[in-house]
């Protein structure tokens, strides 16, 4: 529970040491937890991006090999078609 602190406006408008310590203990811990969670999310996203990049590179290599095989098959079918056409 966060408590609201009232600072008396006297000659010096500052909190006493107890008020500052209480403010840090009430607000500081949630801020630290938030920062730790934000760092963890960024860390996981960076790792995930690295994995996705690696998978994309592997996929590109696979596609290149598939296109090459398709082109070779097309060339073989063309030659077979030409050979069959000459025999008739």
C-alpha atoms as a PDB file:
ATOM      1  CA  UNK A   1       0.000   0.000   0.000  1.00  0.00           C
ATOM      2  CA  UNK A   2       1.388   3.359  -0.972  1.00  0.00           C
ATOM      3  CA  UNK A   3       0.857   6.082   1.557  1.00  0.00           C
ATOM      4  CA  UNK A   4       0.718   9.697   0.654  1.00  0.00           C
ATOM      5  CA  UNK A   5       3.207  11.842   2.494  1.00  0.00           C
ATOM      6  CA  UNK A   6       2.459  15.336   3.527  1.00  0.00           C
ATOM      7  CA  UNK A   7       5.429  17.629   3.728  1.00  0.00           C
ATOM      8  CA  UNK A   8       4.969  20.489   6.100  1.00  0.00           C
ATOM      9  CA  UNK A   9       5.748  23.764   4.450  1.00  0.00           C
ATOM     10  CA  UNK A  10       7.904  25.368   6.997  1.00  0.00           C
ATOM     11  CA  UNK A  11      11.111  27.227   6.620  1.00  0.00           C
ATOM     12  CA  UNK A  12      12.667  24.113   5.064  1.00  0.00           C
ATOM     13  CA  UNK A  13      10.454  22.106   2.759  1.00  0.00           C
ATOM     14  CA  UNK A  14      12.158  18.694   2.872  1.00  0.00           C
ATOM     15  CA  UNK A  15      11.138  15.319   4.255  1.00  0.00           C
ATOM     16  CA  UNK A  16      12.829  13.866   7.256  1.00  0.00           C
ATOM     17  CA  UNK A  17      15.001  10.751   6.949  1.00  0.00           C
ATOM     18  CA  UNK A  18      12.157   8.457   8.051  1.00  0.00           C
ATOM     19  CA  UNK A  19       9.856   9.821   5.358  1.00  0.00           C
ATOM     20  CA  UNK A  20      12.463   9.343   2.649  1.00  0.00           C
ATOM     21  CA  UNK A  21      13.213   5.787   3.824  1.00  0.00           C
ATOM     22  CA  UNK A  22       9.508   4.992   3.868  1.00  0.00           C
ATOM     23  CA  UNK A  23       9.058   6.445   0.387  1.00  0.00           C
ATOM     24  CA  UNK A  24      11.935   4.348  -0.969  1.00  0.00           C
ATOM     25  CA  UNK A  25      10.628   1.168   0.661  1.00  0.00           C
ATOM     26  CA  UNK A  26       7.090   1.764  -0.625  1.00  0.00           C
ATOM     27  CA  UNK A  27       7.956   2.876  -4.151  1.00  0.00           C
ATOM     28  CA  UNK A  28      11.520   1.662  -4.702  1.00  0.00           C
ATOM     29  CA  UNK A  29      10.827  -2.073  -4.654  1.00  0.00           C
ATOM     30  CA  UNK A  30       8.079  -1.950  -7.315  1.00  0.00           C
ATOM     31  CA  UNK A  31      10.296   0.212  -9.511  1.00  0.00           C
ATOM     32  CA  UNK A  32      13.207  -2.228  -9.186  1.00  0.00           C
ATOM     33  CA  UNK A  33      10.867  -5.150  -9.967  1.00  0.00           C
ATOM     34  CA  UNK A  34       9.527  -3.337 -13.012  1.00  0.00           C
ATOM     35  CA  UNK A  35      13.029  -2.588 -14.290  1.00  0.00           C
ATOM     36  CA  UNK A  36      14.110  -6.203 -13.745  1.00  0.00           C
ATOM     37  CA  UNK A  37      11.034  -7.484 -15.620  1.00  0.00           C
ATOM     38  CA  UNK A  38      11.608  -5.018 -18.468  1.00  0.00           C
ATOM     39  CA  UNK A  39      15.248  -6.124 -18.760  1.00  0.00           C
ATOM     40  CA  UNK A  40      14.187  -9.797 -18.821  1.00  0.00           C
ATOM     41  CA  UNK A  41      11.610  -9.184 -21.551  1.00  0.00           C
ATOM     42  CA  UNK A  42      14.186  -7.326 -23.656  1.00  0.00           C
ATOM     43  CA  UNK A  43      16.728 -10.115 -23.096  1.00  0.00           C
ATOM     44  CA  UNK A  44      14.249 -12.803 -24.178  1.00  0.00           C
ATOM     45  CA  UNK A  45      13.156 -10.773 -27.222  1.00  0.00           C
ATOM     46  CA  UNK A  46      16.776 -10.364 -28.314  1.00  0.00           C
ATOM     47  CA  UNK A  47      17.381 -14.122 -27.969  1.00  0.00           C
ATOM     48  CA  UNK A  48      14.159 -14.823 -29.861  1.00  0.00           C
ATOM     49  CA  UNK A  49      15.202 -12.452 -32.661  1.00  0.00           C
ATOM     50  CA  UNK A  50      18.534 -14.277 -32.964  1.00  0.00           C
ATOM     51  CA  UNK A  51      16.741 -17.622 -33.274  1.00  0.00           C
ATOM     52  CA  UNK A  52      14.339 -16.247 -35.882  1.00  0.00           C
ATOM     53  CA  UNK A  53      17.243 -14.831 -37.933  1.00  0.00           C
ATOM     54  CA  UNK A  54      19.003 -18.187 -37.797  1.00  0.00           C
ATOM     55  CA  UNK A  55      15.846 -20.023 -38.920  1.00  0.00           C
ATOM     56  CA  UNK A  56      15.300 -17.528 -41.740  1.00  0.00           C
ATOM     57  CA  UNK A  57      18.839 -18.094 -43.005  1.00  0.00           C
ATOM     58  CA  UNK A  58      18.345 -21.876 -42.926  1.00  0.00           C
ATOM     59  CA  UNK A  59      15.039 -21.503 -44.745  1.00  0.00           C
ATOM     60  CA  UNK A  60      16.654 -19.357 -47.429  1.00  0.00           C
ATOM     61  CA  UNK A  61      19.331 -21.998 -48.001  1.00  0.00           C
ATOM     62  CA  UNK A  62      16.688 -24.731 -48.246  1.00  0.00           C
ATOM     63  CA  UNK A  63      14.699 -22.688 -50.751  1.00  0.00           C
ATOM     64  CA  UNK A  64      17.781 -22.117 -52.915  1.00  0.00           C
ATOM     65  CA  UNK A  65      18.443 -25.863 -53.014  1.00  0.00           C
ATOM     66  CA  UNK A  66      14.783 -26.550 -53.826  1.00  0.00           C
ATOM     67  CA  UNK A  67      14.790 -24.030 -56.674  1.00  0.00           C
ATOM     68  CA  UNK A  68      17.981 -25.569 -58.046  1.00  0.00           C
ATOM     69  CA  UNK A  69      16.434 -29.059 -57.929  1.00  0.00           C
ATOM     70  CA  UNK A  70      13.282 -27.783 -59.634  1.00  0.00           C
ATOM     71  CA  UNK A  71      15.326 -26.130 -62.376  1.00  0.00           C
ATOM     72  CA  UNK A  72      17.305 -29.343 -62.890  1.00  0.00           C
ATOM     73  CA  UNK A  73      14.074 -31.360 -63.109  1.00  0.00           C
ATOM     74  CA  UNK A  74      12.627 -28.882 -65.587  1.00  0.00           C
ATOM     75  CA  UNK A  75      15.752 -29.162 -67.722  1.00  0.00           C
ATOM     76  CA  UNK A  76      15.599 -32.979 -67.582  1.00  0.00           C
ATOM     77  CA  UNK A  77      11.899 -32.983 -68.579  1.00  0.00           C
ATOM     78  CA  UNK A  78      12.634 -30.613 -71.450  1.00  0.00           C
ATOM     79  CA  UNK A  79      15.388 -32.900 -72.741  1.00  0.00           C
ATOM     80  CA  UNK A  80      13.128 -35.948 -72.411  1.00  0.00           C
ATOM     81  CA  UNK A  81      10.342 -34.161 -74.255  1.00  0.00           C
ATOM     82  CA  UNK A  82      12.736 -33.218 -77.057  1.00  0.00           C
ATOM     83  CA  UNK A  83      13.995 -36.800 -77.264  1.00  0.00           C
ATOM     84  CA  UNK A  84      10.448 -38.195 -77.420  1.00  0.00           C
ATOM     85  CA  UNK A  85       9.465 -35.583 -80.046  1.00  0.00           C
ATOM     86  CA  UNK A  86      12.400 -36.573 -82.295  1.00  0.00           C
ATOM     87  CA  UNK A  87      11.468 -40.253 -82.180  1.00  0.00           C
ATOM     88  CA  UNK A  88       7.949 -39.632 -83.480  1.00  0.00           C
END
